C-alpha atoms as a PDB file:
ATOM      1  CA  MET A   1     -21.852 -77.013 -20.292  1.00  0.00           C
ATOM      2  CA  ALA A   2     -20.325 -79.753 -22.435  1.00  0.00           C
ATOM      3  CA  ASP A   3     -21.811 -80.483 -25.837  1.00  0.00           C
ATOM      4  CA  THR A   4     -23.969 -83.564 -26.119  1.00  0.00           C
ATOM      5  CA  ILE A   5     -24.775 -85.563 -29.204  1.00  0.00           C
ATOM      6  CA  SER A   6     -27.957 -84.122 -30.696  1.00  0.00           C
ATOM      7  CA  LYS A   7     -29.473 -83.214 -34.054  1.00  0.00           C
ATOM      8  CA  ASN A   8     -27.125 -81.360 -36.435  1.00  0.00           C
ATOM      9  CA  LYS A   9     -24.017 -82.150 -34.385  1.00  0.00           C
ATOM     10  CA  VAL A  10     -21.044 -84.010 -35.802  1.00  0.00           C
ATOM     11  CA  ALA A  11     -20.010 -86.789 -33.446  1.00  0.00           C
ATOM     12  CA  THR A  12     -16.610 -88.377 -33.904  1.00  0.00           C
ATOM     13  CA  ILE A  13     -16.446 -91.951 -32.648  1.00  0.00           C
ATOM     14  CA  THR A  14     -14.467 -95.181 -32.582  1.00  0.00           C
ATOM     15  CA  TYR A  15     -16.170 -98.541 -32.177  1.00  0.00           C
ATOM     16  CA  VAL A  16     -15.959-102.275 -31.686  1.00  0.00           C
ATOM     17  CA  ILE A  17     -18.613-104.642 -33.039  1.00  0.00           C
ATOM     18  CA  SER A  18     -19.041-108.003 -31.337  1.00  0.00           C
ATOM     19  CA  GLY A  19     -21.251-110.928 -32.168  1.00  0.00           C
ATOM     20  CA  GLU A  20     -23.811-112.404 -29.841  1.00  0.00           C
ATOM     21  CA  ASP A  21     -21.107-114.807 -28.619  1.00  0.00           C
ATOM     22  CA  GLY A  22     -18.990-111.833 -27.481  1.00  0.00           C
ATOM     23  CA  ASN A  23     -16.269-112.357 -30.098  1.00  0.00           C
ATOM     24  CA  MET A  24     -15.107-109.205 -31.834  1.00  0.00           C
ATOM     25  CA  ILE A  25     -16.035-109.122 -35.525  1.00  0.00           C
ATOM     26  CA  GLU A  26     -14.970-105.585 -36.422  1.00  0.00           C
ATOM     27  CA  GLN A  27     -13.014-102.741 -34.839  1.00  0.00           C
ATOM     28  CA  ASN A  28     -12.271 -99.178 -35.913  1.00  0.00           C
ATOM     29  CA  ASP A  29      -9.696 -97.296 -33.839  1.00  0.00           C
ATOM     30  CA  VAL A  30      -9.477 -94.379 -36.268  1.00  0.00           C
ATOM     31  CA  PRO A  31     -12.032 -91.751 -35.197  1.00  0.00           C
ATOM     32  CA  VAL A  32     -14.771 -91.250 -37.785  1.00  0.00           C
ATOM     33  CA  GLY A  33     -17.540 -88.682 -37.838  1.00  0.00           C
ATOM     34  CA  TYR A  34     -21.225 -88.678 -38.683  1.00  0.00           C
ATOM     35  CA  VAL A  35     -23.937 -86.017 -38.620  1.00  0.00           C
ATOM     36  CA  HIS A  36     -26.461 -86.875 -35.926  1.00  0.00           C
ATOM     37  CA  GLY A  37     -30.195 -86.784 -36.564  1.00  0.00           C
ATOM     38  CA  VAL A  38     -30.187 -86.175 -40.328  1.00  0.00           C
ATOM     39  CA  GLY A  39     -30.470 -89.698 -41.701  1.00  0.00           C
ATOM     40  CA  SER A  40     -26.769 -90.552 -41.871  1.00  0.00           C
ATOM     41  CA  ASP A  41     -25.484 -94.023 -42.719  1.00  0.00           C
ATOM     42  CA  LEU A  42     -25.362 -94.975 -39.045  1.00  0.00           C
ATOM     43  CA  LEU A  43     -27.835 -97.662 -37.997  1.00  0.00           C
ATOM     44  CA  PRO A  44     -30.858 -95.857 -36.498  1.00  0.00           C
ATOM     45  CA  ALA A  45     -30.768 -98.012 -33.335  1.00  0.00           C
ATOM     46  CA  LEU A  46     -27.119 -97.090 -32.784  1.00  0.00           C
ATOM     47  CA  GLU A  47     -27.748 -93.412 -33.495  1.00  0.00           C
ATOM     48  CA  ASN A  48     -30.633 -93.405 -30.991  1.00  0.00           C
ATOM     49  CA  ALA A  49     -28.368 -94.967 -28.339  1.00  0.00           C
ATOM     50  CA  LEU A  50     -25.756 -92.227 -28.886  1.00  0.00           C
ATOM     51  CA  ASP A  51     -28.264 -89.383 -28.507  1.00  0.00           C
ATOM     52  CA  GLY A  52     -27.502 -87.227 -25.464  1.00  0.00           C
ATOM     53  CA  HIS A  53     -24.019 -88.620 -24.811  1.00  0.00           C
ATOM     54  CA  LYS A  54     -20.893 -86.497 -24.439  1.00  0.00           C
ATOM     55  CA  VAL A  55     -17.160 -86.694 -25.166  1.00  0.00           C
ATOM     56  CA  GLY A  56     -15.525 -89.548 -23.284  1.00  0.00           C
ATOM     57  CA  ASP A  57     -18.685 -91.603 -22.948  1.00  0.00           C
ATOM     58  CA  VAL A  58     -18.566 -95.269 -23.897  1.00  0.00           C
ATOM     59  CA  VAL A  59     -21.931 -96.393 -25.195  1.00  0.00           C
ATOM     60  CA  GLU A  60     -22.785-100.068 -25.430  1.00  0.00           C
ATOM     61  CA  VAL A  61     -25.845-101.206 -27.298  1.00  0.00           C
ATOM     62  CA  THR A  62     -27.035-104.632 -28.434  1.00  0.00           C
ATOM     63  CA  ILE A  63     -29.038-104.578 -31.650  1.00  0.00           C
ATOM     64  CA  PRO A  64     -31.165-107.479 -32.937  1.00  0.00           C
ATOM     65  CA  PRO A  65     -30.988-108.454 -36.627  1.00  0.00           C
ATOM     66  CA  GLU A  66     -34.206-106.672 -37.586  1.00  0.00           C
ATOM     67  CA  ASP A  67     -32.747-103.358 -36.370  1.00  0.00           C
ATOM     68  CA  ALA A  68     -29.197-104.035 -37.548  1.00  0.00           C
ATOM     69  CA  PHE A  69     -28.368-105.746 -40.830  1.00  0.00           C
ATOM     70  CA  GLY A  70     -31.607-107.636 -41.345  1.00  0.00           C
ATOM     71  CA  GLU A  71     -32.724-111.212 -41.355  1.00  0.00           C
ATOM     72  CA  TYR A  72     -30.970-113.599 -43.721  1.00  0.00           C
ATOM     73  CA  ASP A  73     -32.914-113.780 -46.999  1.00  0.00           C
ATOM     74  CA  PRO A  74     -32.210-116.964 -48.991  1.00  0.00           C
ATOM     75  CA  GLU A  75     -33.686-115.271 -52.086  1.00  0.00           C
ATOM     76  CA  LEU A  76     -30.623-112.995 -52.109  1.00  0.00           C
ATOM     77  CA  THR A  77     -28.333-115.955 -52.764  1.00  0.00           C
ATOM     78  CA  PHE A  78     -27.917-117.353 -56.227  1.00  0.00           C
ATOM     79  CA  THR A  79     -25.726-119.824 -58.031  1.00  0.00           C
ATOM     80  CA  ASP A  80     -24.401-119.418 -61.547  1.00  0.00           C
ATOM     81  CA  SER A  81     -22.141-121.370 -63.846  1.00  0.00           C
ATOM     82  CA  ILE A  82     -18.527-120.369 -63.371  1.00  0.00           C
ATOM     83  CA  ASP A  83     -18.355-119.825 -67.127  1.00  0.00           C
ATOM     84  CA  ASN A  84     -20.810-116.909 -66.777  1.00  0.00           C
ATOM     85  CA  VAL A  85     -18.698-115.167 -64.139  1.00  0.00           C
ATOM     86  CA  PRO A  86     -15.868-112.849 -65.206  1.00  0.00           C
ATOM     87  CA  GLU A  87     -12.405-114.015 -64.139  1.00  0.00           C
ATOM     88  CA  GLU A  88     -11.914-111.132 -61.646  1.00  0.00           C
ATOM     89  CA  PHE A  89     -14.901-112.374 -59.602  1.00  0.00           C
ATOM     90  CA  ARG A  90     -13.802-116.003 -59.384  1.00  0.00           C
ATOM     91  CA  HIS A  91     -12.490-115.893 -55.819  1.00  0.00           C
ATOM     92  CA  ILE A  92     -14.073-116.074 -52.377  1.00  0.00           C
ATOM     93  CA  GLY A  93     -14.819-112.592 -51.050  1.00  0.00           C
ATOM     94  CA  ALA A  94     -15.043-110.949 -54.477  1.00  0.00           C
ATOM     95  CA  GLN A  95     -17.720-108.269 -54.544  1.00  0.00           C
ATOM     96  CA  ALA A  96     -19.942-107.469 -57.496  1.00  0.00           C
ATOM     97  CA  GLU A  97     -22.546-104.725 -57.600  1.00  0.00           C
ATOM     98  CA  PHE A  98     -25.821-105.371 -59.397  1.00  0.00           C
ATOM     99  CA  GLN A  99     -28.611-102.967 -60.271  1.00  0.00           C
ATOM    100  CA  ASN A 100     -32.305-103.843 -60.549  1.00  0.00           C
ATOM    101  CA  ASP A 101     -34.861-102.379 -62.968  1.00  0.00           C
ATOM    102  CA  GLU A 102     -35.683 -99.587 -60.481  1.00  0.00           C
ATOM    103  CA  GLY A 103     -32.040 -98.464 -60.377  1.00  0.00           C
ATOM    104  CA  GLU A 104     -31.397 -99.785 -56.857  1.00  0.00           C
ATOM    105  CA  THR A 105     -28.001-101.384 -56.316  1.00  0.00           C
ATOM    106  CA  ARG A 106     -26.928-104.242 -54.101  1.00  0.00           C
ATOM    107  CA  THR A 107     -23.506-105.694 -53.483  1.00  0.00           C
ATOM    108  CA  PHE A 108     -23.166-109.462 -53.779  1.00  0.00           C
ATOM    109  CA  ILE A 109     -20.225-111.366 -52.334  1.00  0.00           C
ATOM    110  CA  VAL A 110     -18.804-114.603 -53.731  1.00  0.00           C
ATOM    111  CA  THR A 111     -19.175-117.062 -50.860  1.00  0.00           C
ATOM    112  CA  LYS A 112     -18.509-120.427 -52.513  1.00  0.00           C
ATOM    113  CA  ILE A 113     -16.822-121.734 -55.642  1.00  0.00           C
ATOM    114  CA  ASP A 114     -16.521-125.254 -56.971  1.00  0.00           C
ATOM    115  CA  ASP A 115     -15.423-126.588 -60.350  1.00  0.00           C
ATOM    116  CA  GLN A 116     -18.671-125.687 -62.060  1.00  0.00           C
ATOM    117  CA  GLU A 117     -20.491-123.025 -60.026  1.00  0.00           C
ATOM    118  CA  VAL A 118     -20.125-119.768 -58.130  1.00  0.00           C
ATOM    119  CA  VAL A 119     -22.418-118.781 -55.245  1.00  0.00           C
ATOM    120  CA  LEU A 120     -23.134-115.073 -54.748  1.00  0.00           C
ATOM    121  CA  ASP A 121     -24.804-113.748 -51.604  1.00  0.00           C
ATOM    122  CA  GLY A 122     -26.516-110.351 -51.423  1.00  0.00           C
ATOM    123  CA  ASN A 123     -27.127-110.531 -47.682  1.00  0.00           C
ATOM    124  CA  HIS A 124     -25.007-108.334 -45.427  1.00  0.00           C
ATOM    125  CA  PRO A 125     -22.236-110.441 -43.812  1.00  0.00           C
ATOM    126  CA  TYR A 126     -23.816-109.719 -40.393  1.00  0.00           C
ATOM    127  CA  ALA A 127     -27.378-110.573 -41.508  1.00  0.00           C
ATOM    128  CA  ASP A 128     -29.293-112.664 -38.992  1.00  0.00           C
ATOM    129  CA  GLU A 129     -26.870-111.686 -36.211  1.00  0.00           C
ATOM    130  CA  THR A 130     -27.548-109.876 -32.980  1.00  0.00           C
ATOM    131  CA  ILE A 131     -24.621-107.503 -32.671  1.00  0.00           C
ATOM    132  CA  LYS A 132     -23.169-105.434 -29.863  1.00  0.00           C
ATOM    133  CA  PHE A 133     -21.595-102.050 -30.469  1.00  0.00           C
ATOM    134  CA  SER A 134     -19.184-100.510 -28.005  1.00  0.00           C
ATOM    135  CA  VAL A 135     -18.737 -96.894 -29.129  1.00  0.00           C
ATOM    136  CA  THR A 136     -16.418 -94.262 -27.655  1.00  0.00           C
ATOM    137  CA  VAL A 137     -17.319 -90.619 -28.259  1.00  0.00           C
ATOM    138  CA  HIS A 138     -14.213 -88.533 -29.071  1.00  0.00           C
ATOM    139  CA  GLU A 139     -15.501 -85.190 -30.295  1.00  0.00           C
ATOM    140  CA  ILE A 140     -18.780 -83.291 -30.719  1.00  0.00           C
ATOM    141  CA  ARG A 141     -19.191 -80.107 -32.720  1.00  0.00           C
ATOM    142  CA  ASP A 142     -21.800 -78.202 -34.683  1.00  0.00           C
ATOM    143  CA  ALA A 143     -22.242 -79.502 -38.222  1.00  0.00           C
ATOM    144  CA  SER A 144     -21.781 -77.099 -41.114  1.00  0.00           C
ATOM    145  CA  GLU A 145     -24.710 -76.369 -43.431  1.00  0.00           C
ATOM    146  CA  GLN A 146     -22.959 -78.420 -46.113  1.00  0.00           C
ATOM    147  CA  GLU A 147     -22.554 -81.394 -43.762  1.00  0.00           C
ATOM    148  CA  ILE A 148     -26.230 -81.225 -42.790  1.00  0.00           C
ATOM    149  CA  ALA A 149     -27.340 -80.988 -46.430  1.00  0.00           C
ATOM    150  CA  SER A 150     -25.118 -83.890 -47.516  1.00  0.00           C
ATOM    151  CA  ARG A 151     -25.931 -85.913 -44.362  1.00  0.00           C
ATOM    152  CA  THR A 152     -22.197 -86.657 -44.161  1.00  0.00           C
ATOM    153  CA  SER A 153     -19.502 -85.092 -42.022  1.00  0.00           C
ATOM    154  CA  ASP A 154     -16.309 -83.771 -43.551  1.00  0.00           C
ATOM    155  CA  GLN A 155     -14.768 -86.778 -41.820  1.00  0.00           C
ATOM    156  CA  ALA A 156     -17.306 -89.271 -43.186  1.00  0.00           C
ATOM    157  CA  LEU A 157     -18.218 -92.428 -41.387  1.00  0.00           C
ATOM    158  CA  ASP A 158     -16.264 -95.156 -43.163  1.00  0.00           C
ATOM    159  CA  VAL A 159     -18.263 -98.193 -42.181  1.00  0.00           C
ATOM    160  CA  ASP A 160     -19.313-100.692 -44.816  1.00  0.00           C
ATOM    161  CA  VAL A 161     -22.849-101.189 -43.652  1.00  0.00           C
ATOM    162  CA  MET A 162     -25.827-102.273 -45.606  1.00  0.00           C
ATOM    163  CA  ASP A 163     -29.124-100.543 -44.898  1.00  0.00           C
ATOM    164  CA  ALA A 164     -31.473-103.341 -43.808  1.00  0.00           C
ATOM    165  CA  ASP A 165     -34.513-101.694 -45.402  1.00  0.00           C
ATOM    166  CA  SER A 166     -33.179-100.807 -48.845  1.00  0.00           C
ATOM    167  CA  GLY A 167     -30.405-103.396 -49.067  1.00  0.00           C
ATOM    168  CA  THR A 168     -27.961-100.801 -50.336  1.00  0.00           C
ATOM    169  CA  THR A 169     -24.389-100.769 -49.141  1.00  0.00           C
ATOM    170  CA  HIS A 170     -23.013 -97.539 -47.718  1.00  0.00           C
END
């Protein structure tokens, strides 16, 4: 009997992410692995959709903002004088990591610059978007004890996703 994706299995996948309009917004053709069912960095809704699938399956799942990258929060956008921003962050797309008093970190992206001000946005780039994943399962194997303990496969999932609940970037 073929292995299926279940708790403590490493699943190796490739994926395409599309927006609600059907246009592709991200693609990863290099197989990446994650440990299933142990709280990996994979979106829970996506992980649930993959449960029970086997090698060769193509899984398509549409995930609303509240289960994906969250609703857009205008309080996570702020403007500062360009004079207060270090030179290396004075370009669109620059990323700066900030830490709050509780030690939690969030990545902010420079989204707008004019002569006097810089706008930084701490929302995930896909916030407020319903997204569609098309995932192909390439390999399934038992996870090692180390992989289970670290919640990361030896071939870690290299997806820059922000956890919608904590706001941390993985």
